């Protein structure tokens, strides 16, 4: 039967003593102690080289980790992060490459991130609140001019450095672009002028869908 864990060392010592006595066949002893001949020879070899300590179970954990980041690099990563809290792995890795350019392998961005997280230097991201369902669902669109969609697509800077805020008006049924105007300001006055021109050209829609920006919410667009 298998050896009890609490008596493992005692059983191994008895096995070695029996082998050393020379009174029994080695194979028979291994069979009596319910171990293989390979294991028996291992115990005998360990005992002869280390004594009784050689009969104890040894940890299978590696003594060294070949991929472990050197402590001096870990210290530098932590120090840089503390001095510059906004620097992340993408910013820190080029600095490490410049400072330790002779090293064959610089920690990856993932490894740097894990080090920062392990040292408590990464704040967990706040969960974004879920966008509530619209209180004003999109109107039923079955024909042109049922619903128009209006929005400012910007802003962005053009080649001459000026700010560009293109106002777009689209028919929801046909997806036809009724207007795309670049305005100096995103206010109701300039927006109203565009709408009046589009009303004259295409008629009045049943409804207008917008983000309720100030350009349509502050005053009526048409009298």
Protein backbone atom coordinates (compact mmCIF):
# COMPACT_ATOMS: atom_id res chain seq x y z
CA UNK A 1 0.00 0.00 0.00
CA UNK A 2 1.20 3.62 -0.57
CA UNK A 3 3.26 5.28 2.16
CA UNK A 4 1.50 7.65 4.53
CA UNK A 5 2.66 11.23 4.10
CA UNK A 6 3.59 11.61 7.77
CA UNK A 7 5.93 8.62 7.57
CA UNK A 8 7.51 9.22 4.18
CA UNK A 9 10.97 10.11 5.50
CA UNK A 10 10.93 7.21 8.01
CA UNK A 11 10.01 4.74 5.28
CA UNK A 12 12.76 6.03 3.02
CA UNK A 13 15.30 5.72 5.84
CA UNK A 14 14.15 2.12 6.44
CA UNK A 15 14.51 1.44 2.72
CA UNK A 16 18.07 2.80 2.65
CA UNK A 17 18.97 0.83 5.80
CA UNK A 18 17.66 -2.37 4.24
CA UNK A 19 19.62 -1.74 1.05
CA UNK A 20 22.81 -1.03 2.99
CA UNK A 21 22.42 -4.24 5.01
CA UNK A 22 22.91 -6.26 1.84
CA UNK A 23 20.55 -8.99 3.06
CA UNK A 24 17.86 -8.56 0.42
CA UNK A 25 17.65 -8.19 -3.34
CA UNK A 26 17.26 -4.57 -4.45
CA UNK A 27 14.31 -5.37 -6.73
CA UNK A 28 12.52 -7.24 -3.92
CA UNK A 29 13.02 -4.30 -1.55
CA UNK A 30 11.56 -1.87 -4.08
CA UNK A 31 8.57 -4.17 -4.46
CA UNK A 32 8.11 -4.45 -0.69
CA UNK A 33 8.27 -0.67 -0.25
CA UNK A 34 5.91 -0.18 -3.20
CA UNK A 35 8.29 1.97 -5.26
CA UNK A 36 9.86 1.53 -8.68
CA UNK A 37 13.50 0.52 -9.11
CA UNK A 38 14.16 3.92 -10.70
CA UNK A 39 12.83 5.67 -7.60
CA UNK A 40 14.81 3.33 -5.36
CA UNK A 41 18.07 4.18 -7.13
CA UNK A 42 17.21 7.88 -6.89
CA UNK A 43 16.76 7.64 -3.11
CA UNK A 44 20.03 5.73 -2.79
CA UNK A 45 21.92 8.27 -4.90
CA UNK A 46 20.47 11.24 -3.00
CA UNK A 47 21.31 9.63 0.34
CA UNK A 48 24.90 8.94 -0.66
CA UNK A 49 25.42 12.53 -1.85
CA UNK A 50 23.39 14.51 0.73
CA UNK A 51 22.67 12.16 3.61
CA UNK A 52 19.21 12.11 5.20
CA UNK A 53 18.44 15.59 3.78
CA UNK A 54 18.64 14.04 0.33
CA UNK A 55 15.60 11.91 1.15
CA UNK A 56 13.36 14.94 1.70
CA UNK A 57 11.06 16.14 -1.06
CA UNK A 58 12.47 19.14 -2.90
CA UNK A 59 10.51 22.07 -4.29
CA UNK A 60 9.92 21.92 -8.02
CA UNK A 61 9.90 25.69 -8.28
CA UNK A 62 12.63 27.12 -10.45
CA UNK A 63 15.45 28.75 -8.52
CA UNK A 64 15.77 31.51 -11.10
CA UNK A 65 13.30 32.96 -13.57
CA UNK A 66 14.95 33.53 -16.94
CA UNK A 67 12.35 36.10 -18.00
CA UNK A 68 12.24 37.99 -14.72
CA UNK A 69 12.74 41.74 -15.12
CA UNK A 70 15.97 42.94 -13.44
CA UNK A 71 15.37 44.83 -10.21
CA UNK A 72 17.19 47.95 -11.43
CA UNK A 73 14.79 48.24 -14.36
CA UNK A 74 11.78 47.71 -12.10
CA UNK A 75 13.11 50.45 -9.81
CA UNK A 76 13.55 52.83 -12.75
CA UNK A 77 10.03 52.13 -14.05
CA UNK A 78 8.55 52.84 -10.63
CA UNK A 79 10.68 55.98 -10.18
CA UNK A 80 9.73 57.40 -13.59
CA UNK A 81 6.06 56.69 -12.98
CA UNK A 82 6.13 58.41 -9.59
CA UNK A 83 7.80 61.47 -11.12
CA UNK A 84 5.45 61.48 -14.13
CA UNK A 85 2.08 59.95 -13.13
CA UNK A 86 0.66 60.46 -16.63
CA UNK A 87 3.34 58.36 -18.34
CA UNK A 88 2.18 54.92 -19.38
CA UNK A 89 3.97 51.87 -20.84
CA UNK A 90 4.15 53.41 -24.34
CA UNK A 91 6.02 56.43 -22.97
CA UNK A 92 8.22 54.52 -20.53
CA UNK A 93 9.50 51.80 -22.88
CA UNK A 94 11.46 54.14 -25.25
CA UNK A 95 13.13 55.69 -22.19
CA UNK A 96 14.18 52.24 -20.99
CA UNK A 97 15.52 51.38 -24.45
CA UNK A 98 17.62 54.55 -24.49
CA UNK A 99 19.01 53.99 -20.99
CA UNK A 100 19.60 50.23 -21.29
CA UNK A 101 20.43 50.10 -25.00
CA UNK A 102 22.94 47.30 -24.46
CA UNK A 103 20.34 44.94 -23.07
CA UNK A 104 19.20 42.27 -25.49
CA UNK A 105 15.60 42.34 -24.33
CA UNK A 106 13.75 45.37 -22.97
CA UNK A 107 10.48 44.70 -21.08
CA UNK A 108 7.45 44.88 -23.33
CA UNK A 109 4.66 47.39 -22.81
CA UNK A 110 2.55 44.60 -21.32
CA UNK A 111 5.28 43.73 -18.81
CA UNK A 112 5.74 47.38 -17.87
CA UNK A 113 1.99 47.69 -17.35
CA UNK A 114 1.99 44.59 -15.13
CA UNK A 115 4.84 46.03 -13.05
CA UNK A 116 2.99 49.33 -12.57
CA UNK A 117 -0.18 47.45 -11.64
CA UNK A 118 1.68 45.21 -9.19
CA UNK A 119 3.23 48.26 -7.51
CA UNK A 120 -0.18 49.90 -7.16
CA UNK A 121 0.63 52.72 -9.59
CA UNK A 122 -2.32 52.14 -11.92
CA UNK A 123 -5.73 53.46 -10.99
CA UNK A 124 -8.63 51.28 -12.13
CA UNK A 125 -10.63 52.82 -14.92
CA UNK A 126 -13.96 54.25 -13.97
CA UNK A 127 -16.86 52.49 -15.56
CA UNK A 128 -18.70 54.68 -17.98
CA UNK A 129 -22.37 55.12 -17.16
CA UNK A 130 -24.70 53.45 -19.59
CA UNK A 131 -26.37 55.80 -22.01
CA UNK A 132 -30.06 55.89 -21.11
CA UNK A 133 -32.59 55.04 -23.73
CA UNK A 134 -33.76 58.09 -25.64
CA UNK A 135 -36.89 59.67 -24.22
CA UNK A 136 -37.78 60.80 -27.72
CA UNK A 137 -37.51 57.80 -30.06
CA UNK A 138 -36.88 58.34 -33.73
CA UNK A 139 -40.08 59.23 -35.56
CA UNK A 140 -41.55 56.88 -38.12
CA UNK A 141 -40.08 57.76 -41.51
CA UNK A 142 -42.03 56.67 -44.58
CA UNK A 143 -41.44 59.50 -47.06
CA UNK A 144 -39.11 62.42 -47.83
CA UNK A 145 -39.48 65.44 -45.55
CA UNK A 146 -40.90 63.33 -42.72
CA UNK A 147 -37.79 63.86 -40.59
CA UNK A 148 -34.64 65.90 -41.11
CA UNK A 149 -31.45 65.30 -39.13
CA UNK A 150 -29.24 68.26 -38.22
CA UNK A 151 -25.81 68.27 -36.61
CA UNK A 152 -22.46 70.05 -36.55
CA UNK A 153 -19.72 67.67 -37.80
CA UNK A 154 -16.71 69.04 -36.03
CA UNK A 155 -14.93 70.98 -35.10
CA UNK A 156 -11.57 70.55 -36.80
CA UNK A 157 -8.79 72.84 -38.03
CA UNK A 158 -8.22 73.37 -41.75
CA UNK A 159 -4.93 74.05 -43.53
CA UNK A 160 -4.90 77.80 -42.89
CA UNK A 161 -5.40 77.27 -39.16
CA UNK A 162 -9.03 78.38 -39.08
CA UNK A 163 -11.66 76.44 -37.19
CA UNK A 164 -14.17 74.53 -39.30
CA UNK A 165 -17.68 73.67 -38.06
CA UNK A 166 -19.67 72.20 -40.96
CA UNK A 167 -23.43 72.18 -40.39
CA UNK A 168 -25.19 69.26 -42.08
CA UNK A 169 -28.90 68.79 -42.74
CA UNK A 170 -29.97 65.36 -44.02
CA UNK A 171 -33.31 63.90 -45.04
CA UNK A 172 -33.80 60.78 -42.89
CA UNK A 173 -35.81 58.88 -45.52
CA UNK A 174 -33.68 59.38 -48.64
CA UNK A 175 -30.38 60.06 -46.79
CA UNK A 176 -30.01 63.00 -49.14
CA UNK A 177 -27.67 65.74 -47.94
CA UNK A 178 -29.79 68.87 -48.05
CA UNK A 179 -27.06 71.21 -46.81
CA UNK A 180 -23.43 71.22 -45.72
CA UNK A 181 -22.41 74.72 -44.70
CA UNK A 182 -19.23 75.95 -43.00
CA UNK A 183 -20.18 78.62 -40.46
CA UNK A 184 -18.03 81.12 -38.60
CA UNK A 185 -19.93 80.48 -35.37
CA UNK A 186 -22.19 77.69 -34.18
CA UNK A 187 -24.94 80.00 -32.99
CA UNK A 188 -28.66 80.20 -33.67
CA UNK A 189 -28.39 83.31 -35.86
CA UNK A 190 -26.14 81.76 -38.51
CA UNK A 191 -27.91 78.39 -38.26
CA UNK A 192 -31.28 80.05 -38.83
CA UNK A 193 -30.09 81.56 -42.11
CA UNK A 194 -29.12 78.13 -43.43
CA UNK A 195 -32.44 76.58 -42.40
CA UNK A 196 -34.47 79.36 -44.01
CA UNK A 197 -32.67 78.81 -47.31
CA UNK A 198 -33.19 75.03 -47.13
CA UNK A 199 -36.88 75.48 -46.21
CA UNK A 200 -37.41 77.62 -49.31
CA UNK A 201 -35.68 75.05 -51.53
CA UNK A 202 -37.04 71.75 -50.15
CA UNK A 203 -40.11 72.68 -48.11
CA UNK A 204 -40.83 72.10 -44.43
CA UNK A 205 -40.26 68.72 -42.72
CA UNK A 206 -42.71 67.13 -40.31
CA UNK A 207 -39.99 66.95 -37.63
CA UNK A 208 -36.33 67.81 -37.10
CA UNK A 209 -34.00 65.49 -35.18
CA UNK A 210 -31.06 67.18 -33.43
CA UNK A 211 -28.90 66.94 -30.31
CA UNK A 212 -30.70 69.95 -28.80
CA UNK A 213 -27.64 72.14 -29.18
CA UNK A 214 -27.80 75.86 -28.57
CA UNK A 215 -27.93 76.51 -32.30
CA UNK A 216 -31.52 75.16 -32.43
CA UNK A 217 -32.69 75.26 -28.81
CA UNK A 218 -32.41 78.93 -27.92
CA UNK A 219 -34.92 80.45 -30.29
CA UNK A 220 -37.34 79.46 -33.07
CA UNK A 221 -35.69 78.82 -36.42
CA UNK A 222 -38.49 80.32 -38.44
CA UNK A 223 -41.35 82.66 -37.71
